[in-house]
N, C-alpha and C. Protein backbone atom coordinates (compact mmCIF):
# COMPACT_ATOMS: atom_id res chain seq x y z
N MET A 1 73.81 96.42 152.96
CA MET A 1 74.91 96.62 153.90
C MET A 1 76.12 95.80 153.45
N THR A 2 77.28 96.41 153.44
CA THR A 2 78.50 95.71 153.08
C THR A 2 79.11 95.06 154.30
N VAL A 3 79.41 93.77 154.22
CA VAL A 3 80.04 93.03 155.31
C VAL A 3 81.46 92.71 154.89
N THR A 4 82.45 93.08 155.70
CA THR A 4 83.84 92.85 155.34
C THR A 4 84.33 91.53 155.86
N ARG A 5 85.51 91.11 155.36
CA ARG A 5 86.11 89.87 155.85
C ARG A 5 86.42 89.99 157.34
N ARG A 6 86.74 91.20 157.79
CA ARG A 6 86.96 91.41 159.22
C ARG A 6 85.69 91.10 160.01
N ASP A 7 84.53 91.46 159.45
CA ASP A 7 83.27 91.21 160.14
C ASP A 7 82.96 89.72 160.26
N VAL A 8 83.49 88.93 159.31
CA VAL A 8 83.31 87.48 159.42
C VAL A 8 83.94 86.98 160.71
N LEU A 9 85.14 87.48 161.02
CA LEU A 9 85.80 87.12 162.27
C LEU A 9 84.92 87.50 163.46
N ALA A 10 84.39 88.70 163.43
CA ALA A 10 83.59 89.18 164.54
C ALA A 10 82.37 88.29 164.75
N ALA A 11 81.68 87.99 163.67
CA ALA A 11 80.48 87.17 163.79
C ALA A 11 80.81 85.78 164.29
N GLY A 12 81.89 85.19 163.75
CA GLY A 12 82.26 83.84 164.16
C GLY A 12 82.68 83.78 165.60
N ALA A 13 83.51 84.72 166.02
CA ALA A 13 84.01 84.70 167.39
C ALA A 13 82.89 84.88 168.40
N THR A 14 82.00 85.84 168.14
CA THR A 14 80.94 86.08 169.10
C THR A 14 79.91 84.95 169.10
N ALA A 15 79.75 84.28 167.97
CA ALA A 15 78.84 83.13 167.95
C ALA A 15 79.35 82.03 168.86
N GLY A 16 80.66 81.76 168.78
CA GLY A 16 81.24 80.73 169.63
C GLY A 16 81.21 81.11 171.08
N ALA A 17 81.52 82.38 171.39
CA ALA A 17 81.53 82.83 172.77
C ALA A 17 80.13 82.83 173.36
N GLY A 18 79.18 83.31 172.59
CA GLY A 18 77.82 83.40 173.09
C GLY A 18 77.19 82.05 173.38
N ALA A 19 77.69 81.00 172.73
CA ALA A 19 77.11 79.68 172.91
C ALA A 19 77.24 79.18 174.35
N ILE A 20 78.32 79.63 175.04
CA ILE A 20 78.52 79.10 176.40
C ILE A 20 78.73 80.21 177.42
N ALA A 21 78.53 81.47 176.99
CA ALA A 21 78.82 82.58 177.90
C ALA A 21 77.93 82.57 179.13
N GLY A 22 76.74 81.99 179.03
CA GLY A 22 75.84 82.00 180.17
C GLY A 22 76.19 81.00 181.24
N CYS A 23 77.12 80.11 180.98
CA CYS A 23 77.50 79.11 181.97
C CYS A 23 78.47 79.72 182.98
N SER A 24 78.18 79.65 184.21
CA SER A 24 79.01 80.26 185.24
C SER A 24 80.42 79.72 185.18
N GLY A 25 81.40 80.61 185.03
CA GLY A 25 82.80 80.22 185.03
C GLY A 25 83.25 79.53 183.77
N ALA A 26 82.36 79.49 182.73
CA ALA A 26 82.70 78.74 181.53
C ALA A 26 83.62 79.50 180.61
N LEU A 27 83.59 80.83 180.69
CA LEU A 27 84.31 81.63 179.71
C LEU A 27 84.98 82.81 180.38
N GLU A 28 86.22 83.07 180.00
CA GLU A 28 86.91 84.24 180.53
C GLU A 28 86.33 85.50 179.90
N ASP A 29 86.64 86.65 180.54
CA ASP A 29 86.13 87.91 180.01
C ASP A 29 86.87 88.36 178.77
N SER A 30 88.03 87.76 178.47
CA SER A 30 88.76 88.11 177.26
C SER A 30 89.40 86.86 176.67
N LEU A 31 89.39 86.79 175.34
CA LEU A 31 90.00 85.70 174.59
C LEU A 31 90.87 86.32 173.51
N SER A 32 92.02 85.70 173.23
CA SER A 32 92.93 86.24 172.22
C SER A 32 93.48 85.13 171.35
N SER A 33 93.64 85.44 170.08
CA SER A 33 94.30 84.53 169.15
C SER A 33 95.68 85.08 168.83
N MET A 34 96.46 84.31 168.09
CA MET A 34 97.77 84.73 167.60
C MET A 34 97.70 84.84 166.08
N PRO A 35 98.43 85.78 165.48
CA PRO A 35 98.37 85.93 164.02
C PRO A 35 98.97 84.74 163.29
N ALA A 36 98.38 84.40 162.15
CA ALA A 36 98.95 83.43 161.22
C ALA A 36 99.39 84.21 159.99
N VAL A 37 100.67 84.12 159.65
CA VAL A 37 101.22 84.94 158.57
C VAL A 37 101.92 84.07 157.54
N VAL A 38 102.01 84.58 156.33
CA VAL A 38 102.70 83.90 155.24
C VAL A 38 104.20 84.11 155.39
N SER A 39 104.98 83.09 155.10
CA SER A 39 106.43 83.19 155.24
C SER A 39 107.01 84.12 154.18
N PRO A 40 108.09 84.83 154.50
CA PRO A 40 108.73 85.72 153.51
C PRO A 40 109.15 84.99 152.23
N SER A 41 109.62 83.76 152.36
CA SER A 41 110.07 83.02 151.17
C SER A 41 108.91 82.74 150.22
N ALA A 42 107.72 82.46 150.77
CA ALA A 42 106.55 82.21 149.92
C ALA A 42 106.09 83.48 149.23
N LEU A 43 106.19 84.62 149.92
CA LEU A 43 105.84 85.89 149.29
C LEU A 43 106.78 86.19 148.13
N GLU A 44 108.06 85.94 148.34
CA GLU A 44 109.04 86.17 147.27
C GLU A 44 108.79 85.26 146.09
N GLU A 45 108.47 84.00 146.38
CA GLU A 45 108.24 83.02 145.30
C GLU A 45 107.02 83.36 144.47
N THR A 46 105.95 83.85 145.10
CA THR A 46 104.68 84.06 144.41
C THR A 46 104.48 85.49 143.91
N GLY A 47 105.29 86.43 144.38
CA GLY A 47 105.12 87.81 143.98
C GLY A 47 104.05 88.56 144.73
N TYR A 48 103.52 87.96 145.77
CA TYR A 48 102.54 88.64 146.62
C TYR A 48 103.26 89.53 147.63
N GLY A 49 102.56 90.55 148.10
CA GLY A 49 103.10 91.43 149.12
C GLY A 49 102.14 91.57 150.28
N GLU A 50 102.67 91.87 151.46
CA GLU A 50 101.83 92.05 152.64
C GLU A 50 101.07 93.37 152.54
N HIS A 51 99.76 93.29 152.64
CA HIS A 51 98.93 94.50 152.63
C HIS A 51 98.63 94.96 154.05
N THR A 52 98.26 94.02 154.92
CA THR A 52 98.01 94.38 156.32
C THR A 52 98.04 93.14 157.19
N VAL A 53 98.47 93.31 158.44
CA VAL A 53 98.33 92.31 159.48
C VAL A 53 97.84 93.08 160.70
N GLU A 54 96.61 92.84 161.12
CA GLU A 54 96.04 93.68 162.15
C GLU A 54 95.13 92.89 163.10
N GLU A 55 95.03 93.42 164.31
CA GLU A 55 94.09 92.87 165.30
C GLU A 55 92.67 93.32 164.96
N VAL A 56 91.74 92.44 165.22
CA VAL A 56 90.33 92.79 165.13
C VAL A 56 89.70 92.45 166.47
N VAL A 57 89.44 93.46 167.29
CA VAL A 57 88.92 93.25 168.64
C VAL A 57 87.41 93.42 168.62
N VAL A 58 86.71 92.43 169.17
CA VAL A 58 85.25 92.43 169.20
C VAL A 58 84.81 92.33 170.65
N GLU A 59 83.85 93.16 171.02
CA GLU A 59 83.27 93.08 172.35
C GLU A 59 81.80 92.76 172.23
N ARG A 60 81.34 91.90 173.11
CA ARG A 60 79.93 91.53 173.09
C ARG A 60 79.43 91.41 174.52
N THR A 61 78.27 92.00 174.77
CA THR A 61 77.64 91.88 176.08
C THR A 61 76.61 90.75 176.04
N VAL A 62 76.75 89.80 176.93
CA VAL A 62 75.84 88.66 176.98
C VAL A 62 75.20 88.62 178.36
N GLY A 63 74.03 88.03 178.41
CA GLY A 63 73.33 88.00 179.69
C GLY A 63 72.54 86.72 179.89
N ARG A 64 72.35 86.39 181.16
CA ARG A 64 71.56 85.22 181.53
C ARG A 64 71.07 85.41 182.95
N PHE A 65 69.78 85.10 183.18
CA PHE A 65 69.18 85.23 184.50
C PHE A 65 69.33 86.65 185.04
N GLY A 66 69.24 87.64 184.16
CA GLY A 66 69.31 89.03 184.59
C GLY A 66 70.71 89.56 184.83
N LEU A 67 71.73 88.74 184.63
CA LEU A 67 73.11 89.17 184.84
C LEU A 67 73.79 89.34 183.48
N GLU A 68 74.57 90.39 183.35
CA GLU A 68 75.27 90.67 182.10
C GLU A 68 76.77 90.70 182.30
N ARG A 69 77.51 90.34 181.25
CA ARG A 69 78.95 90.45 181.26
C ARG A 69 79.42 90.79 179.86
N THR A 70 80.55 91.48 179.76
CA THR A 70 81.11 91.86 178.47
C THR A 70 82.32 90.99 178.17
N ILE A 71 82.31 90.40 176.99
CA ILE A 71 83.39 89.52 176.56
C ILE A 71 84.15 90.20 175.43
N SER A 72 85.47 90.24 175.53
CA SER A 72 86.32 90.82 174.50
C SER A 72 87.07 89.69 173.79
N VAL A 73 86.98 89.66 172.47
CA VAL A 73 87.64 88.63 171.66
C VAL A 73 88.61 89.31 170.70
N THR A 74 89.89 88.95 170.80
CA THR A 74 90.91 89.50 169.90
C THR A 74 91.21 88.49 168.80
N ASN A 75 90.91 88.86 167.57
CA ASN A 75 91.18 88.05 166.39
C ASN A 75 92.31 88.70 165.59
N TRP A 76 92.83 87.99 164.61
CA TRP A 76 93.86 88.55 163.73
C TRP A 76 93.45 88.35 162.27
N TYR A 77 93.74 89.37 161.48
CA TYR A 77 93.43 89.37 160.06
C TYR A 77 94.68 89.77 159.29
N ALA A 78 95.12 88.90 158.38
CA ALA A 78 96.29 89.20 157.54
C ALA A 78 95.85 89.16 156.07
N GLU A 79 96.32 90.11 155.30
CA GLU A 79 95.94 90.17 153.89
C GLU A 79 97.16 90.40 153.01
N TYR A 80 97.22 89.66 151.90
CA TYR A 80 98.32 89.75 150.95
C TYR A 80 97.72 89.92 149.56
N ASP A 81 98.40 90.67 148.69
CA ASP A 81 97.85 90.88 147.36
C ASP A 81 98.95 90.94 146.30
N ARG A 82 98.50 90.84 145.06
CA ARG A 82 99.41 90.87 143.92
C ARG A 82 98.71 91.55 142.75
N ALA A 83 99.47 92.29 141.96
CA ALA A 83 98.91 92.97 140.80
C ALA A 83 98.59 91.97 139.70
N ILE A 84 97.42 92.13 139.10
CA ILE A 84 96.97 91.28 138.00
C ILE A 84 96.68 92.17 136.80
N SER A 85 97.07 91.73 135.60
CA SER A 85 96.73 92.46 134.38
C SER A 85 95.25 92.27 134.08
N LEU A 86 94.53 93.37 133.94
CA LEU A 86 93.10 93.32 133.70
C LEU A 86 92.76 94.01 132.38
N ASP A 87 91.87 93.40 131.64
CA ASP A 87 91.44 93.97 130.37
C ASP A 87 90.23 94.87 130.63
N LEU A 88 90.51 96.00 131.32
CA LEU A 88 89.46 96.95 131.67
C LEU A 88 89.83 98.33 131.15
N PRO A 89 88.86 99.11 130.69
CA PRO A 89 89.15 100.46 130.17
C PRO A 89 89.85 101.32 131.22
N GLY A 90 90.99 101.87 130.85
CA GLY A 90 91.71 102.77 131.74
C GLY A 90 92.54 102.08 132.80
N LEU A 91 92.50 100.74 132.85
CA LEU A 91 93.26 100.01 133.86
C LEU A 91 94.08 98.92 133.19
N SER A 92 95.36 98.89 133.47
CA SER A 92 96.21 97.82 132.92
C SER A 92 96.52 96.78 133.97
N ARG A 93 96.86 97.26 135.21
CA ARG A 93 97.15 96.33 136.30
C ARG A 93 96.55 96.86 137.59
N LEU A 94 96.11 95.94 138.45
CA LEU A 94 95.50 96.33 139.72
C LEU A 94 95.80 95.25 140.76
N GLN A 95 95.95 95.66 142.03
CA GLN A 95 96.19 94.69 143.11
C GLN A 95 94.90 93.90 143.34
N ALA A 96 94.59 93.03 142.40
CA ALA A 96 93.28 92.38 142.38
C ALA A 96 93.29 90.94 142.87
N ALA A 97 94.46 90.34 143.03
CA ALA A 97 94.55 88.99 143.60
C ALA A 97 94.80 89.13 145.10
N VAL A 98 93.88 88.64 145.91
CA VAL A 98 93.92 88.86 147.35
C VAL A 98 93.84 87.53 148.09
N VAL A 99 94.77 87.30 149.01
CA VAL A 99 94.73 86.13 149.89
C VAL A 99 94.67 86.63 151.33
N SER A 100 93.67 86.15 152.07
CA SER A 100 93.47 86.58 153.45
C SER A 100 93.59 85.38 154.38
N VAL A 101 94.09 85.64 155.58
CA VAL A 101 94.19 84.60 156.61
C VAL A 101 93.53 85.13 157.88
N LEU A 102 92.57 84.40 158.38
CA LEU A 102 91.83 84.79 159.57
C LEU A 102 92.16 83.85 160.71
N THR A 103 92.42 84.38 161.89
CA THR A 103 92.60 83.53 163.08
C THR A 103 91.67 84.03 164.16
N THR A 104 91.07 83.11 164.88
CA THR A 104 90.15 83.43 165.96
C THR A 104 90.31 82.39 167.06
N PRO A 105 90.20 82.77 168.32
CA PRO A 105 90.48 81.82 169.40
C PRO A 105 89.42 80.74 169.52
N GLN A 106 89.88 79.55 169.87
CA GLN A 106 88.95 78.47 170.17
C GLN A 106 88.25 78.76 171.51
N VAL A 107 87.05 78.27 171.63
CA VAL A 107 86.30 78.38 172.87
C VAL A 107 86.00 76.97 173.35
N SER A 108 86.47 76.61 174.54
CA SER A 108 86.30 75.26 175.06
C SER A 108 85.60 75.29 176.42
N PHE A 109 84.79 74.27 176.65
CA PHE A 109 84.11 74.13 177.92
C PHE A 109 83.83 72.65 178.17
N LEU A 110 84.29 72.16 179.32
CA LEU A 110 84.08 70.76 179.71
C LEU A 110 84.57 69.80 178.62
N GLY A 111 85.74 70.14 178.04
CA GLY A 111 86.34 69.25 177.06
C GLY A 111 85.77 69.35 175.67
N ARG A 112 84.77 70.20 175.48
CA ARG A 112 84.16 70.36 174.16
C ARG A 112 84.60 71.68 173.55
N THR A 113 84.99 71.66 172.26
CA THR A 113 85.43 72.86 171.56
C THR A 113 84.29 73.43 170.74
N PHE A 114 84.05 74.72 170.92
CA PHE A 114 83.05 75.42 170.13
C PHE A 114 83.77 76.19 169.04
N ASN A 115 83.57 75.78 167.79
CA ASN A 115 84.25 76.40 166.67
C ASN A 115 83.66 77.78 166.40
N PRO A 116 84.43 78.85 166.60
CA PRO A 116 83.89 80.19 166.41
C PRO A 116 83.41 80.48 164.99
N VAL A 117 83.93 79.78 163.99
CA VAL A 117 83.47 79.99 162.63
C VAL A 117 82.60 78.84 162.15
N GLY A 118 82.30 77.92 163.03
CA GLY A 118 81.54 76.74 162.64
C GLY A 118 80.07 77.00 162.38
N GLU A 119 79.60 78.21 162.72
CA GLU A 119 78.20 78.52 162.48
C GLU A 119 77.92 78.76 160.99
N PHE A 120 78.97 78.95 160.20
CA PHE A 120 78.78 79.28 158.80
C PHE A 120 79.17 78.12 157.90
N SER A 121 78.40 77.91 156.83
CA SER A 121 78.82 77.01 155.77
C SER A 121 79.79 77.76 154.87
N THR A 122 80.49 77.04 154.00
CA THR A 122 81.41 77.73 153.09
C THR A 122 80.64 78.67 152.15
N ASP A 123 79.43 78.29 151.76
CA ASP A 123 78.64 79.16 150.90
C ASP A 123 78.30 80.46 151.61
N GLU A 124 77.97 80.39 152.90
CA GLU A 124 77.65 81.61 153.66
C GLU A 124 78.88 82.48 153.83
N LEU A 125 80.04 81.85 154.05
CA LEU A 125 81.28 82.63 154.18
C LEU A 125 81.61 83.35 152.89
N ILE A 126 81.37 82.69 151.75
CA ILE A 126 81.62 83.33 150.46
C ILE A 126 80.81 84.61 150.33
N GLU A 127 79.56 84.55 150.75
CA GLU A 127 78.69 85.72 150.63
C GLU A 127 79.13 86.84 151.56
N LEU A 128 79.72 86.50 152.69
CA LEU A 128 80.10 87.51 153.67
C LEU A 128 81.41 88.21 153.33
N MET A 129 82.26 87.54 152.58
CA MET A 129 83.60 88.09 152.38
C MET A 129 83.61 89.12 151.27
N GLN A 130 83.26 90.35 151.64
CA GLN A 130 83.10 91.43 150.69
C GLN A 130 83.86 92.65 151.20
N ASP A 131 85.15 92.67 150.92
CA ASP A 131 85.94 93.82 151.32
C ASP A 131 86.38 94.54 150.05
N ARG A 132 87.45 94.12 149.48
CA ARG A 132 87.87 94.70 148.20
C ARG A 132 86.93 94.25 147.09
N TYR A 133 86.44 93.04 147.20
CA TYR A 133 85.43 92.54 146.28
C TYR A 133 84.08 92.66 146.96
N ASP A 134 83.10 93.22 146.27
CA ASP A 134 81.80 93.47 146.86
C ASP A 134 80.73 92.80 146.01
N GLU A 135 79.60 92.49 146.67
CA GLU A 135 78.42 92.00 145.97
C GLU A 135 78.74 90.79 145.10
N LEU A 136 79.21 89.74 145.70
CA LEU A 136 79.43 88.50 144.96
C LEU A 136 78.08 87.94 144.51
N GLU A 137 78.00 87.64 143.23
CA GLU A 137 76.77 87.10 142.66
C GLU A 137 77.08 85.88 141.81
N ASP A 138 76.02 85.13 141.54
CA ASP A 138 76.13 83.95 140.68
C ASP A 138 77.28 83.04 141.14
N VAL A 139 77.32 82.75 142.44
CA VAL A 139 78.37 81.91 143.02
C VAL A 139 78.10 80.45 142.66
N GLN A 140 79.09 79.80 142.09
CA GLN A 140 78.96 78.40 141.69
C GLN A 140 80.14 77.60 142.22
N ARG A 141 79.85 76.51 142.91
CA ARG A 141 80.92 75.64 143.40
C ARG A 141 81.52 74.88 142.23
N VAL A 142 82.86 74.92 142.13
CA VAL A 142 83.55 74.28 141.01
C VAL A 142 84.15 72.95 141.41
N ASP A 143 84.99 72.96 142.44
CA ASP A 143 85.64 71.72 142.85
C ASP A 143 86.19 71.86 144.26
N GLU A 144 86.73 70.76 144.74
CA GLU A 144 87.31 70.73 146.08
C GLU A 144 88.56 69.87 146.04
N THR A 145 89.62 70.37 146.65
CA THR A 145 90.85 69.61 146.78
C THR A 145 91.31 69.73 148.22
N SER A 146 92.47 69.19 148.53
CA SER A 146 92.98 69.29 149.89
C SER A 146 94.27 70.09 149.88
N VAL A 147 94.55 70.74 151.01
CA VAL A 147 95.77 71.52 151.16
C VAL A 147 96.26 71.33 152.59
N SER A 148 97.58 71.35 152.77
CA SER A 148 98.16 71.19 154.10
C SER A 148 98.38 72.57 154.72
N VAL A 149 97.60 72.86 155.75
CA VAL A 149 97.71 74.15 156.45
C VAL A 149 98.19 73.88 157.87
N LEU A 150 99.37 74.36 158.18
CA LEU A 150 99.95 74.20 159.52
C LEU A 150 99.99 72.73 159.94
N GLY A 151 100.32 71.87 158.97
CA GLY A 151 100.47 70.45 159.26
C GLY A 151 99.19 69.65 159.26
N THR A 152 98.06 70.29 158.92
CA THR A 152 96.77 69.59 158.89
C THR A 152 96.19 69.64 157.48
N GLU A 153 95.77 68.48 156.98
CA GLU A 153 95.11 68.43 155.68
C GLU A 153 93.67 68.94 155.84
N THR A 154 93.30 69.89 155.01
CA THR A 154 91.95 70.45 155.08
C THR A 154 91.43 70.68 153.68
N ALA A 155 90.13 70.84 153.55
CA ALA A 155 89.51 71.06 152.24
C ALA A 155 89.78 72.48 151.76
N LEU A 156 90.06 72.61 150.47
CA LEU A 156 90.19 73.89 149.80
C LEU A 156 89.16 73.90 148.68
N VAL A 157 88.10 74.68 148.87
CA VAL A 157 86.96 74.68 147.96
C VAL A 157 87.07 75.86 147.01
N ARG A 158 86.81 75.61 145.71
CA ARG A 158 86.91 76.68 144.71
C ARG A 158 85.54 76.97 144.12
N TYR A 159 85.26 78.27 143.96
CA TYR A 159 84.01 78.74 143.39
C TYR A 159 84.31 79.71 142.24
N THR A 160 83.35 79.84 141.33
CA THR A 160 83.35 80.97 140.41
C THR A 160 82.27 81.94 140.88
N ALA A 161 82.46 83.21 140.55
CA ALA A 161 81.47 84.22 140.94
C ALA A 161 81.65 85.45 140.08
N GLU A 162 80.67 86.32 140.13
CA GLU A 162 80.79 87.65 139.54
C GLU A 162 80.86 88.64 140.69
N ALA A 163 81.82 89.56 140.62
CA ALA A 163 82.03 90.47 141.73
C ALA A 163 82.19 91.90 141.22
N ARG A 164 81.89 92.84 142.11
CA ARG A 164 82.16 94.24 141.81
C ARG A 164 83.50 94.60 142.42
N LEU A 165 84.43 94.99 141.59
CA LEU A 165 85.77 95.35 142.04
C LEU A 165 85.73 96.82 142.47
N ILE A 166 85.81 97.06 143.79
CA ILE A 166 85.57 98.39 144.33
C ILE A 166 86.51 99.45 143.75
N PRO A 167 87.86 99.22 143.70
CA PRO A 167 88.73 100.28 143.18
C PRO A 167 88.44 100.64 141.73
N ALA A 168 87.99 99.66 140.93
CA ALA A 168 87.75 99.92 139.52
C ALA A 168 86.32 100.34 139.23
N GLY A 169 85.42 100.11 140.17
CA GLY A 169 84.03 100.46 139.97
C GLY A 169 83.37 99.68 138.86
N THR A 170 83.77 98.42 138.67
CA THR A 170 83.23 97.60 137.60
C THR A 170 83.07 96.17 138.09
N THR A 171 82.41 95.35 137.31
CA THR A 171 82.23 93.94 137.67
C THR A 171 83.13 93.08 136.80
N LEU A 172 83.51 91.95 137.35
CA LEU A 172 84.32 90.99 136.61
C LEU A 172 84.13 89.60 137.19
N ASP A 173 84.49 88.61 136.41
CA ASP A 173 84.40 87.22 136.85
C ASP A 173 85.61 86.89 137.71
N VAL A 174 85.38 86.23 138.84
CA VAL A 174 86.45 85.90 139.77
C VAL A 174 86.37 84.44 140.18
N TYR A 175 87.47 83.96 140.72
CA TYR A 175 87.51 82.70 141.44
C TYR A 175 87.63 83.01 142.93
N VAL A 176 87.00 82.21 143.74
CA VAL A 176 87.10 82.31 145.19
C VAL A 176 87.52 80.95 145.72
N GLN A 177 88.54 80.92 146.56
CA GLN A 177 88.97 79.68 147.22
C GLN A 177 88.93 79.87 148.72
N LEU A 178 88.43 78.86 149.41
CA LEU A 178 88.21 78.95 150.84
C LEU A 178 88.58 77.64 151.50
N THR A 179 89.38 77.72 152.58
CA THR A 179 89.69 76.50 153.33
C THR A 179 88.68 76.30 154.44
N GLU A 180 88.53 75.07 154.87
CA GLU A 180 87.80 74.82 156.10
C GLU A 180 88.68 75.24 157.28
N PRO A 181 88.09 75.55 158.44
CA PRO A 181 88.89 75.98 159.59
C PRO A 181 89.86 74.88 160.03
N VAL A 182 91.07 75.28 160.38
CA VAL A 182 92.09 74.37 160.89
C VAL A 182 92.37 74.72 162.34
N SER A 183 92.37 73.72 163.21
CA SER A 183 92.71 73.92 164.61
C SER A 183 94.22 73.85 164.76
N HIS A 184 94.80 74.91 165.35
CA HIS A 184 96.24 74.93 165.57
C HIS A 184 96.52 75.69 166.86
N GLY A 185 97.15 75.03 167.81
CA GLY A 185 97.35 75.64 169.12
C GLY A 185 96.01 75.93 169.76
N ASP A 186 95.81 77.17 170.17
CA ASP A 186 94.55 77.56 170.80
C ASP A 186 93.63 78.31 169.85
N ASP A 187 93.96 78.27 168.55
CA ASP A 187 93.20 79.06 167.59
C ASP A 187 92.63 78.20 166.46
N PHE A 188 91.71 78.82 165.73
CA PHE A 188 91.27 78.30 164.44
C PHE A 188 91.79 79.23 163.36
N VAL A 189 92.25 78.65 162.25
CA VAL A 189 92.83 79.41 161.15
C VAL A 189 92.04 79.11 159.87
N LEU A 190 91.72 80.17 159.14
CA LEU A 190 90.92 80.05 157.92
C LEU A 190 91.58 80.85 156.81
N GLY A 191 91.74 80.25 155.62
CA GLY A 191 92.35 80.94 154.49
C GLY A 191 91.33 81.23 153.40
N VAL A 192 91.43 82.40 152.79
CA VAL A 192 90.51 82.83 151.74
C VAL A 192 91.30 83.48 150.61
N ALA A 193 90.94 83.17 149.37
CA ALA A 193 91.58 83.82 148.22
C ALA A 193 90.50 84.26 147.24
N VAL A 194 90.65 85.46 146.68
CA VAL A 194 89.77 85.97 145.63
C VAL A 194 90.64 86.57 144.55
N TYR A 195 90.40 86.17 143.29
CA TYR A 195 91.23 86.69 142.20
C TYR A 195 90.45 86.60 140.89
N PRO A 196 90.77 87.48 139.93
CA PRO A 196 90.02 87.53 138.66
C PRO A 196 90.29 86.31 137.80
N GLN A 197 89.29 85.99 136.98
CA GLN A 197 89.51 85.06 135.88
C GLN A 197 90.15 85.87 134.75
N VAL A 198 91.30 85.45 134.31
CA VAL A 198 92.01 86.17 133.24
C VAL A 198 91.70 85.50 131.92
N HIS A 199 90.85 86.15 131.13
CA HIS A 199 90.40 85.58 129.86
C HIS A 199 89.81 84.19 130.06
N GLY A 200 89.12 84.00 131.19
CA GLY A 200 88.47 82.73 131.47
C GLY A 200 89.37 81.68 132.05
N PHE A 201 90.64 82.02 132.27
CA PHE A 201 91.59 81.04 132.76
C PHE A 201 91.86 81.22 134.26
N GLU A 202 92.26 80.14 134.88
CA GLU A 202 92.63 80.12 136.30
C GLU A 202 94.15 80.28 136.39
N THR A 203 94.60 81.35 137.08
CA THR A 203 96.02 81.66 137.08
C THR A 203 96.67 81.66 138.45
N GLU A 204 95.87 81.61 139.53
CA GLU A 204 96.44 81.87 140.84
C GLU A 204 96.40 80.70 141.81
N SER A 205 95.77 79.58 141.47
CA SER A 205 95.59 78.51 142.45
C SER A 205 96.92 77.95 142.94
N GLY A 206 97.93 77.90 142.08
CA GLY A 206 99.23 77.42 142.52
C GLY A 206 99.86 78.34 143.55
N ALA A 207 99.76 79.65 143.31
CA ALA A 207 100.29 80.61 144.28
C ALA A 207 99.51 80.56 145.58
N VAL A 208 98.19 80.42 145.49
CA VAL A 208 97.36 80.33 146.69
C VAL A 208 97.79 79.14 147.54
N ARG A 209 98.00 78.00 146.91
CA ARG A 209 98.43 76.82 147.65
C ARG A 209 99.79 77.05 148.31
N THR A 210 100.72 77.66 147.58
CA THR A 210 102.04 77.95 148.16
C THR A 210 101.92 78.84 149.37
N LEU A 211 101.10 79.88 149.30
CA LEU A 211 100.95 80.80 150.41
C LEU A 211 100.31 80.12 151.62
N LEU A 212 99.27 79.35 151.39
CA LEU A 212 98.58 78.68 152.51
C LEU A 212 99.45 77.62 153.15
N GLU A 213 100.24 76.91 152.35
CA GLU A 213 101.08 75.85 152.91
C GLU A 213 102.31 76.40 153.62
N SER A 214 102.56 77.72 153.49
CA SER A 214 103.73 78.32 154.14
C SER A 214 103.37 79.06 155.44
N LEU A 215 102.10 78.99 155.84
CA LEU A 215 101.65 79.79 156.98
C LEU A 215 102.46 79.47 158.24
N GLU A 216 102.74 80.51 159.00
CA GLU A 216 103.44 80.39 160.29
C GLU A 216 102.52 80.91 161.39
N HIS A 217 102.40 80.12 162.46
CA HIS A 217 101.48 80.48 163.55
C HIS A 217 102.04 79.92 164.85
N GLU A 218 102.18 80.76 165.86
CA GLU A 218 102.76 80.32 167.14
C GLU A 218 101.79 79.40 167.88
């Protein structure tokens, strides 16, 4: 089964909601986040373009003591991409460098915050993020640095992997970069980047940092 980056939002949001949904009055019937988007100046600087900014609405029915209720969670998913030169038969350039930004609402009860994406480790998130890139294999953690996202320093973890590039129908070596969730306003924000290794070299980490550090979120 293929799990998309959008599905990661769904799983994370419902995990957080389900943790306290059985408590009377603990959770509203609907939760909404606000989109986090890359600034136009950062897109111009890096050569990336907006691919999509869309709502991802998830509904989940939860029950306790024989009573059921339906909870609706509105998340936001933004994706940006850039053409990369690939040494593949019949392909010279492809929109193969992808940066995604996920936002999902925080869930709080009695002063405690339940992180909707906190149920996953970074390794588990890497395995789940299979939209344009599918079937990530041989995932290896390379290094970790810090990046400022919406005024908060957070970890930016880099991996190498082998992936199947869906539009090309072939496999190639890629880098994957993933931030830890950042709390901003009433939401959690998570950044993800996937891009090919070009002749074994790393070419996109500078652009990824520029895009993540330029995020705008109400």
